[in-house]
Structure formats: C-alpha cells, structure tokens
Amino acid sequence: MANATVLDLTAAAGTAKPDVAAEMAAIGKAARAAEHALGLASTEAKNAALRGAAAALRRNTELILAENAKDVAEAKSSAVTTMAFVERLVLNPARVEAMAKSIEEIIALADPVGTVLAQWTRPNGLRIERVRTPLGVIGIIYESRPNVTADAAALCLKAGNAAILRGGSDSFRSSSAIHRCFVEGLTAAGLPATAIQLVPTRDRAAVGMMLAGLGGTIDVIVPRGGKSLVERVQKEARVPVFAHLEGICHVYVHEHANLAMAETIVLNAKMRRLSVCGAAETMLVDRSVAGEFLPRLVGALQKAGCVIRGDEATRTLASNVEPATEADWSTEYLDAVISVRVVDDIGAAIAHIEHYGSHHTDAIVTGDAVAAEKFLNEVDSAIVLHNASTQFADGGEFGMGAEIGIATGRMHARGPVGVEQLTSFKYRVHGTGQVRP
C-alpha cells in the first residue's frame, strides 16, 4: 500500500468534544446543504464517487484491518462481549473485498432518482407523472457491524440522499477508516464531502440529538442493531423510522417435506452465520414426520455445535435436548441455540409463527404446492420463503446490491431496505394553460 493512498485518521480519535450539541447541529446543517446538491447530481457523478470509494477500500485494506484489530481487541477485553458480537465486528480481507464488490453491484443498479413510476392524462388535458425523488437526509444508527458503514453510505449516495452515520462505539475505528474512503470518492467526483458524514464522537448524547431530528435536518432514521437499540429509537424518535425490532425467524418442516433438503436448509438457516437477523431461531416440525426427522436433525445440529431447546415431544424423540421454556419461543438467540417444537399441522405452525414471531423472515420446507401457497399467503412476515434458507433475508441476495436493514413495518418500506426503498416520489403536472373552474 503506497504512502499516497494511506488514509488520514488523525481527525477520528473518537474522544468526546466539549460541545457535542454544536457539533451535531453543524453536521445536520452540512447534511441538508449537501442533500440538495446530491439530489441534483447526475448518475455518472454518483457512480464515480462510488467507484472511488470501492477503489479506496481496496487500496487501504491493510489500514482498515489494523484499525479493526484495535476495535476487536477492545471488545474482547469486555466481560459482556459474546461470540456473536465479536463475529459481527471482525473484518478480514474477504469482508473488505465484499464491501467493495457490494459497492460495485450498487453502481450497476439503475438510478432510481427521476424514474417515472406512473403517468396519465386527465380529461382536461393535464398530464400527470409520479416520479421518484430522494428522501433527503437519512440518519443511520447502528451497532458493531463496520460493514454497515459502507452499505449505508453507498445506498444513500446512489439514491441521492445525504447520510449521517452513527456507528457503535465498539466499531468506531473501523467505521472511521471505511468512512474516509467515501470522503475520498466524493471529493474526487466533485460532490460535497459532507454528503456522507460519520458522527465523530462516541458520546451517546449524539444519538439522542439525531433521534430529535437535529433541528429538522434529518428526514428519516434507520436503526440497525440489537433489540435495546431499536426499542430506544422507536420510543424516542421524532422523525419517521424504518426498523425491525428483532428477527425471530422460523423454519417449518411440513409433512410433505424432502427431509434431506429440510436438514440442509435448517443447518444453513441456523448455523451459517449466527449473528445475522435472518438466522433461524425456532424450528417447527410436523408431527407426522417428527419421529423420522428429529433424531437425525438434532444430531446434525449438535454435531455442528448447536444447543437444542425442545418441547416435550422433541425431547421424547431426540437425546440431549434441553427443555424449552415459554420465553424460548420468543427469543432471538443470535447464538448457537435453537428452539424446536412439534406441531400438529400447517395451521398450528402458522398460528405459532403469528403468536411468537416478529414478522421478519419465515420459511416452509415442503413438496406440496398447495401447502406452500397457504404458508406464503397466510404468514404475515416481511419475507416468506419456500424451500430455501432464512439466511437469504439479505438485500444483496435479493439483487439490491446491499441493504441497510430489514423493515418489518407496513409503511413505506418492508423487507430489505435498498436503493428504491430510500426514495420517495413527487407529482409533476404538465398543462397547456388549464385553470380550475
């Protein structure tokens, strides 16, 4: 890595400044000013900034990893750090390269800004168009995952939005190094460097100021993190929020499932990455196949290092299964733990998901097309899958390049929040001198 490409991180020491309120107000004003320029920027300029950021990430991989190593070492010294927490925090060369590739995938996406969503002509001759526009200034508050810095910045930039990023204190150094790559890309493309800002303090007061809207300069908040963070955001925010509270995801093995397929899907849904919000936390098994399926599936999960907490029927059919409590059915473990329940039929499975689930991501494994259609229609989750792992709950896997979260609400955005979900629309009306009688 040549000296000319080394990022200057001296301004990102992470110490709280005496007047955080003044600093945050300045950030908000700068974002609003940049948002206007970015909303008018050409697709070519935005893509050039993104290409510059991807190139900077690759050139500065060593520095980014060195900063990340400091964050990881600090996190490991904490008595409350879990395996899943560290797994979310750690970067390696492959993960930095994945960030760069994700940016390139976003570059390849069509620019949503200016897209005509619908158009029609009224009897009086008025021609009306509904056209996509940027949302404005987006505040993103997230924990531990430094890659969110890249995903959020790239998606906001592509959709013409300015972004104020507030990463977790635990990933401050990593996020700062990644953010500087975007500043480099923006500057080289002739766009305002303040279009993507990272809150330069670990002071938690900054979060409260963002939730209050920074004097009207933030248009929407996107939280990405644990339940306590999202609960705080939803409780305190004075601006609209795109969020999901937690990912209590289910895999239901139907009576007509291909059991070999079901075993592969469950193992992947639970164990591929424990810390993602699409990781399966509960498995439901149809009673008619439980006797054949559960012993082998439980054995495979245990061999992979997973703890099983099951209902009475599960513990009767499989060995070394801990008793599940009522709380287990509504717990997002984000760890090598899964709860298992035997259900009488598909109706009971759907009822369980409706009662205990979080409307995030749920899957059915079955060869019965009628049962699959019933599940897909009746399970009210943002993402519902048939014969596929819940770990596909990801904007990149949906062809969106990346995402900054999975929204489980019903307003504006639901499911992966990608480029299109970070836009609004306006109406353009063309007349020939019409006046209203």
Foldseek 3Di string as FASTA:
>chain_A
DDPVLEDDCPLQPAADDPCLLVVLLVLLVLQQVLLVVLQPDDLVLLLQLLLQLLVSLLVHVVVLQVLLVVLLVVLVVDPPRDPLLSVLQHDDNVNSNLLSQLLVLLNPDDQQFQDFPDWDADPVGKIKTKGWTFLEEEEEEEERRLSLLSQVVSLCSSNSYQYEYEYAPSNSRSNSSSLSSSLSSCVVSVGDSSSYHYSSHNPPVSVLCVLAPSVVSHAEYEYYYAQVVVVCSVVRHPHHYFYFNAQAEEEEEAPAFPLVLVLVQLCCLAPVQLQDRLRHAEYEYAPNCCLVRLAVSVVVLVVVPAAEAEDPVSCVRYPNHHHDDPVSLQDSPSDRYHYYYYDHHLVRVLVSCVVRGRLAEYEYGHPDPVSQVCQVVRRRHLYYYYSHHSVCQFCVSVSQSGASHAGGDDPQDHGGHGNSSSIDIDMDMDDDDDDDD
